[in-house]
Amino acid sequence: MAMAWCRSDLMHHLTVRVQPNASADRVENWETDAAGRSYLKVRVRAVPEGGKANAAVEKLVAKWLGLPKSAVRVVTGAKNRLKGLDIDGPPELAAKLAGDQGNERAEN
């Protein structure tokens, strides 16, 4: 199974799969697709128009990680459900992501 996150210096990269138009904003759980790619499943209420869902994902993931909104950016997959996020954060963030990836559900 490929990890859904990686770290280089003070930058972390996280792969998420987004469900827009959800009933609530929430971080769900870690999943693996048929190709063996792991990702964090995220649901947002925002519609996928004009970058609204991407902004909601950035805000939600930042809150979940306890970081400012400006620390999380969608860098790949802006118009796809599978997105790559760059996250500015301390090295300790890797431990949180690794620990949460082993859990059934990641609560925000």
N, C-alpha and C. Protein backbone atom coordinates (compact mmCIF):
# COMPACT_ATOMS: atom_id res chain seq x y z
N MET A 1 0.85 -1.18 0.00
CA MET A 1 0.00 0.00 0.00
C MET A 1 0.89 1.24 0.00
N ALA A 2 0.65 2.16 -0.90
CA ALA A 2 1.38 3.41 -0.97
C ALA A 2 0.86 4.36 0.10
N MET A 3 1.77 5.12 0.71
CA MET A 3 1.36 6.08 1.73
C MET A 3 0.64 7.25 1.06
N ALA A 4 -0.34 7.80 1.76
CA ALA A 4 -1.12 8.91 1.23
C ALA A 4 -0.47 10.25 1.53
N TRP A 5 0.69 10.23 2.20
CA TRP A 5 1.37 11.47 2.54
C TRP A 5 2.87 11.24 2.45
N CYS A 6 3.63 12.31 2.30
CA CYS A 6 5.09 12.26 2.36
C CYS A 6 5.59 13.60 2.87
N ARG A 7 6.86 13.65 3.28
CA ARG A 7 7.42 14.86 3.87
C ARG A 7 8.76 15.17 3.22
N SER A 8 9.03 16.45 2.98
CA SER A 8 10.34 16.91 2.56
C SER A 8 10.59 18.25 3.21
N ASP A 9 11.66 18.33 3.99
CA ASP A 9 11.98 19.53 4.78
C ASP A 9 10.77 19.92 5.61
N LEU A 10 10.24 21.12 5.43
CA LEU A 10 9.08 21.55 6.21
C LEU A 10 7.78 21.47 5.40
N MET A 11 7.83 20.78 4.29
CA MET A 11 6.64 20.64 3.44
C MET A 11 6.16 19.20 3.50
N HIS A 12 4.87 19.03 3.64
CA HIS A 12 4.25 17.71 3.63
C HIS A 12 3.33 17.66 2.42
N HIS A 13 3.16 16.49 1.84
CA HIS A 13 2.24 16.33 0.72
C HIS A 13 1.22 15.26 1.11
N LEU A 14 -0.05 15.57 0.94
CA LEU A 14 -1.13 14.67 1.32
C LEU A 14 -2.07 14.47 0.13
N THR A 15 -2.46 13.24 -0.12
CA THR A 15 -3.42 12.94 -1.18
C THR A 15 -4.79 12.74 -0.55
N VAL A 16 -5.79 13.44 -1.09
CA VAL A 16 -7.15 13.32 -0.58
C VAL A 16 -8.11 13.02 -1.74
N ARG A 17 -9.20 12.35 -1.41
CA ARG A 17 -10.29 12.15 -2.37
C ARG A 17 -11.48 12.90 -1.81
N VAL A 18 -12.02 13.80 -2.61
CA VAL A 18 -13.04 14.74 -2.14
C VAL A 18 -14.42 14.38 -2.67
N GLN A 19 -15.40 14.44 -1.77
CA GLN A 19 -16.80 14.33 -2.17
C GLN A 19 -17.43 15.70 -1.93
N PRO A 20 -17.65 16.48 -2.99
CA PRO A 20 -18.32 17.77 -2.83
C PRO A 20 -19.82 17.57 -2.65
N ASN A 21 -20.53 18.62 -2.31
CA ASN A 21 -21.99 18.57 -2.12
C ASN A 21 -22.40 17.57 -1.04
N ALA A 22 -21.57 17.36 -0.05
CA ALA A 22 -21.89 16.43 1.03
C ALA A 22 -22.82 17.10 2.03
N SER A 23 -23.37 16.31 2.93
CA SER A 23 -24.28 16.87 3.94
C SER A 23 -23.53 17.59 5.05
N ALA A 24 -22.23 17.30 5.19
CA ALA A 24 -21.43 17.94 6.24
C ALA A 24 -19.97 17.97 5.81
N ASP A 25 -19.22 18.92 6.35
CA ASP A 25 -17.78 18.96 6.14
C ASP A 25 -17.14 18.01 7.14
N ARG A 26 -16.37 17.03 6.66
CA ARG A 26 -15.69 16.14 7.60
C ARG A 26 -14.57 15.36 6.92
N VAL A 27 -13.58 15.04 7.74
CA VAL A 27 -12.50 14.15 7.34
C VAL A 27 -12.97 12.75 7.68
N GLU A 28 -12.97 11.86 6.71
CA GLU A 28 -13.52 10.52 6.90
C GLU A 28 -12.44 9.53 7.34
N ASN A 29 -11.93 8.73 6.41
CA ASN A 29 -10.99 7.68 6.74
C ASN A 29 -9.98 7.50 5.61
N TRP A 30 -8.98 6.68 5.87
CA TRP A 30 -7.96 6.36 4.86
C TRP A 30 -8.48 5.21 4.01
N GLU A 31 -8.29 5.32 2.69
CA GLU A 31 -8.72 4.27 1.78
C GLU A 31 -7.64 4.04 0.74
N THR A 32 -7.74 2.92 0.04
CA THR A 32 -6.82 2.58 -1.03
C THR A 32 -7.64 2.21 -2.26
N ASP A 33 -7.28 2.78 -3.42
CA ASP A 33 -8.03 2.47 -4.63
C ASP A 33 -7.50 1.19 -5.28
N ALA A 34 -8.11 0.79 -6.39
CA ALA A 34 -7.74 -0.45 -7.07
C ALA A 34 -6.30 -0.44 -7.57
N ALA A 35 -5.76 0.74 -7.82
CA ALA A 35 -4.38 0.86 -8.30
C ALA A 35 -3.37 0.84 -7.15
N GLY A 36 -3.86 0.75 -5.91
CA GLY A 36 -2.96 0.71 -4.76
C GLY A 36 -2.59 2.06 -4.19
N ARG A 37 -3.22 3.13 -4.69
CA ARG A 37 -2.95 4.48 -4.18
C ARG A 37 -3.79 4.74 -2.94
N SER A 38 -3.14 5.20 -1.89
CA SER A 38 -3.85 5.53 -0.65
C SER A 38 -4.21 7.01 -0.64
N TYR A 39 -5.30 7.32 0.02
CA TYR A 39 -5.73 8.71 0.13
C TYR A 39 -6.60 8.85 1.37
N LEU A 40 -6.77 10.10 1.79
CA LEU A 40 -7.65 10.43 2.89
C LEU A 40 -8.97 10.89 2.29
N LYS A 41 -10.06 10.28 2.70
CA LYS A 41 -11.38 10.63 2.16
C LYS A 41 -11.92 11.85 2.92
N VAL A 42 -12.33 12.87 2.18
CA VAL A 42 -12.80 14.13 2.74
C VAL A 42 -14.14 14.48 2.10
N ARG A 43 -15.08 14.94 2.91
CA ARG A 43 -16.38 15.39 2.41
C ARG A 43 -16.54 16.87 2.73
N VAL A 44 -17.01 17.64 1.74
CA VAL A 44 -17.28 19.06 1.96
C VAL A 44 -18.66 19.41 1.41
N ARG A 45 -19.30 20.39 2.04
CA ARG A 45 -20.63 20.83 1.60
C ARG A 45 -20.56 21.70 0.36
N ALA A 46 -19.43 22.31 0.12
CA ALA A 46 -19.28 23.24 -1.00
C ALA A 46 -19.48 22.54 -2.34
N VAL A 47 -19.96 23.32 -3.31
CA VAL A 47 -20.15 22.81 -4.66
C VAL A 47 -18.83 22.91 -5.43
N PRO A 48 -18.63 22.02 -6.40
CA PRO A 48 -17.38 22.05 -7.16
C PRO A 48 -17.42 23.07 -8.31
N GLU A 49 -17.65 24.32 -7.97
CA GLU A 49 -17.72 25.39 -8.96
C GLU A 49 -16.86 26.55 -8.49
N GLY A 50 -16.06 27.07 -9.40
CA GLY A 50 -15.27 28.26 -9.10
C GLY A 50 -14.27 28.08 -7.96
N GLY A 51 -13.81 26.87 -7.74
CA GLY A 51 -12.83 26.62 -6.69
C GLY A 51 -13.39 26.58 -5.28
N LYS A 52 -14.72 26.60 -5.15
CA LYS A 52 -15.34 26.61 -3.81
C LYS A 52 -15.04 25.33 -3.03
N ALA A 53 -15.13 24.18 -3.69
CA ALA A 53 -14.85 22.92 -3.00
C ALA A 53 -13.38 22.83 -2.61
N ASN A 54 -12.48 23.29 -3.49
CA ASN A 54 -11.05 23.27 -3.16
C ASN A 54 -10.76 24.14 -1.95
N ALA A 55 -11.35 25.31 -1.89
CA ALA A 55 -11.15 26.20 -0.74
C ALA A 55 -11.68 25.55 0.54
N ALA A 56 -12.82 24.86 0.42
CA ALA A 56 -13.40 24.19 1.59
C ALA A 56 -12.49 23.05 2.06
N VAL A 57 -11.88 22.33 1.13
CA VAL A 57 -10.95 21.25 1.48
C VAL A 57 -9.74 21.82 2.21
N GLU A 58 -9.17 22.89 1.68
CA GLU A 58 -8.01 23.52 2.32
C GLU A 58 -8.35 23.94 3.75
N LYS A 59 -9.48 24.58 3.92
CA LYS A 59 -9.90 25.05 5.24
C LYS A 59 -10.13 23.87 6.20
N LEU A 60 -10.83 22.84 5.73
CA LEU A 60 -11.14 21.69 6.58
C LEU A 60 -9.88 20.94 7.00
N VAL A 61 -8.99 20.67 6.06
CA VAL A 61 -7.76 19.93 6.39
C VAL A 61 -6.88 20.75 7.32
N ALA A 62 -6.81 22.06 7.11
CA ALA A 62 -6.04 22.91 8.01
C ALA A 62 -6.60 22.84 9.43
N LYS A 63 -7.91 22.90 9.55
CA LYS A 63 -8.54 22.82 10.87
C LYS A 63 -8.27 21.46 11.51
N TRP A 64 -8.40 20.40 10.74
CA TRP A 64 -8.16 19.04 11.23
C TRP A 64 -6.74 18.87 11.75
N LEU A 65 -5.78 19.52 11.07
CA LEU A 65 -4.38 19.41 11.46
C LEU A 65 -3.97 20.46 12.49
N GLY A 66 -4.87 21.41 12.79
CA GLY A 66 -4.54 22.46 13.75
C GLY A 66 -3.58 23.49 13.20
N LEU A 67 -3.71 23.78 11.92
CA LEU A 67 -2.83 24.72 11.23
C LEU A 67 -3.66 25.89 10.68
N PRO A 68 -3.00 27.01 10.37
CA PRO A 68 -3.73 28.11 9.72
C PRO A 68 -4.16 27.71 8.30
N LYS A 69 -5.24 28.31 7.83
CA LYS A 69 -5.75 28.01 6.48
C LYS A 69 -4.68 28.18 5.41
N SER A 70 -3.81 29.17 5.60
CA SER A 70 -2.79 29.46 4.59
C SER A 70 -1.73 28.36 4.49
N ALA A 71 -1.71 27.41 5.43
CA ALA A 71 -0.69 26.36 5.43
C ALA A 71 -1.04 25.20 4.50
N VAL A 72 -2.27 25.16 3.99
CA VAL A 72 -2.72 24.04 3.15
C VAL A 72 -3.14 24.58 1.78
N ARG A 73 -2.58 23.96 0.72
CA ARG A 73 -2.89 24.39 -0.65
C ARG A 73 -3.13 23.19 -1.55
N VAL A 74 -4.18 23.26 -2.37
CA VAL A 74 -4.39 22.25 -3.41
C VAL A 74 -3.39 22.55 -4.51
N VAL A 75 -2.52 21.57 -4.83
CA VAL A 75 -1.49 21.80 -5.85
C VAL A 75 -1.67 20.90 -7.07
N THR A 76 -2.42 19.81 -6.93
CA THR A 76 -2.72 18.95 -8.08
C THR A 76 -4.17 18.51 -7.99
N GLY A 77 -4.76 18.27 -9.15
CA GLY A 77 -6.13 17.76 -9.19
C GLY A 77 -7.19 18.79 -8.88
N ALA A 78 -6.95 20.05 -9.21
CA ALA A 78 -7.91 21.11 -8.88
C ALA A 78 -9.31 20.82 -9.43
N LYS A 79 -9.40 20.10 -10.54
CA LYS A 79 -10.72 19.80 -11.13
C LYS A 79 -11.05 18.31 -11.05
N ASN A 80 -10.37 17.60 -10.17
CA ASN A 80 -10.61 16.16 -9.99
C ASN A 80 -10.97 15.89 -8.54
N ARG A 81 -11.55 14.73 -8.29
CA ARG A 81 -11.85 14.35 -6.90
C ARG A 81 -10.59 13.98 -6.14
N LEU A 82 -9.61 13.39 -6.83
CA LEU A 82 -8.34 13.03 -6.20
C LEU A 82 -7.41 14.22 -6.30
N LYS A 83 -7.00 14.76 -5.16
CA LYS A 83 -6.21 15.99 -5.12
C LYS A 83 -4.94 15.80 -4.32
N GLY A 84 -3.93 16.56 -4.67
CA GLY A 84 -2.69 16.61 -3.90
C GLY A 84 -2.64 17.92 -3.15
N LEU A 85 -2.36 17.86 -1.86
CA LEU A 85 -2.26 19.05 -1.02
C LEU A 85 -0.83 19.22 -0.55
N ASP A 86 -0.30 20.42 -0.63
CA ASP A 86 0.96 20.76 0.02
C ASP A 86 0.62 21.41 1.34
N ILE A 87 1.31 20.99 2.39
CA ILE A 87 1.03 21.47 3.74
C ILE A 87 2.32 21.95 4.37
N ASP A 88 2.34 23.22 4.79
CA ASP A 88 3.47 23.77 5.53
C ASP A 88 3.26 23.43 6.99
N GLY A 89 4.17 22.68 7.57
CA GLY A 89 4.00 22.31 8.96
C GLY A 89 5.27 21.73 9.54
N PRO A 90 5.29 21.59 10.85
CA PRO A 90 6.48 21.08 11.54
C PRO A 90 6.68 19.59 11.28
N PRO A 91 7.88 19.08 11.55
CA PRO A 91 8.14 17.65 11.36
C PRO A 91 7.18 16.75 12.14
N GLU A 92 6.68 17.23 13.28
CA GLU A 92 5.77 16.43 14.11
C GLU A 92 4.47 16.11 13.37
N LEU A 93 4.16 16.88 12.36
CA LEU A 93 2.94 16.64 11.58
C LEU A 93 2.98 15.27 10.91
N ALA A 94 4.17 14.83 10.51
CA ALA A 94 4.31 13.51 9.89
C ALA A 94 3.86 12.41 10.84
N ALA A 95 4.16 12.56 12.13
CA ALA A 95 3.76 11.56 13.11
C ALA A 95 2.24 11.51 13.23
N LYS A 96 1.59 12.67 13.18
CA LYS A 96 0.12 12.70 13.25
C LYS A 96 -0.48 12.00 12.03
N LEU A 97 0.04 12.31 10.86
CA LEU A 97 -0.49 11.69 9.64
C LEU A 97 -0.24 10.19 9.65
N ALA A 98 0.92 9.75 10.08
CA ALA A 98 1.23 8.32 10.13
C ALA A 98 0.34 7.62 11.14
N GLY A 99 0.12 8.24 12.29
CA GLY A 99 -0.73 7.64 13.31
C GLY A 99 -2.17 7.56 12.86
N ASP A 100 -2.67 8.62 12.24
CA ASP A 100 -4.05 8.63 11.79
C ASP A 100 -4.28 7.67 10.63
N GLN A 101 -3.25 7.44 9.81
CA GLN A 101 -3.44 6.54 8.68
C GLN A 101 -3.68 5.11 9.17
N GLY A 102 -3.23 4.79 10.37
CA GLY A 102 -3.48 3.47 10.91
C GLY A 102 -4.85 3.32 11.54
N ASN A 103 -5.58 4.42 11.71
CA ASN A 103 -6.90 4.38 12.34
C ASN A 103 -7.99 4.13 11.31
N GLU A 104 -9.09 3.59 11.77
CA GLU A 104 -10.24 3.36 10.90
C GLU A 104 -10.87 4.67 10.46
N ARG A 105 -10.93 5.64 11.37
CA ARG A 105 -11.61 6.89 11.07
C ARG A 105 -10.79 8.05 11.60
N ALA A 106 -10.63 9.07 10.79
CA ALA A 106 -9.90 10.26 11.20
C ALA A 106 -10.90 11.35 11.49
N GLU A 107 -11.08 11.70 12.73
CA GLU A 107 -12.06 12.73 13.12
C GLU A 107 -11.44 14.11 12.99
N ASN A 108 -12.26 15.09 12.62
CA ASN A 108 -11.76 16.46 12.57
C ASN A 108 -12.13 17.19 13.82
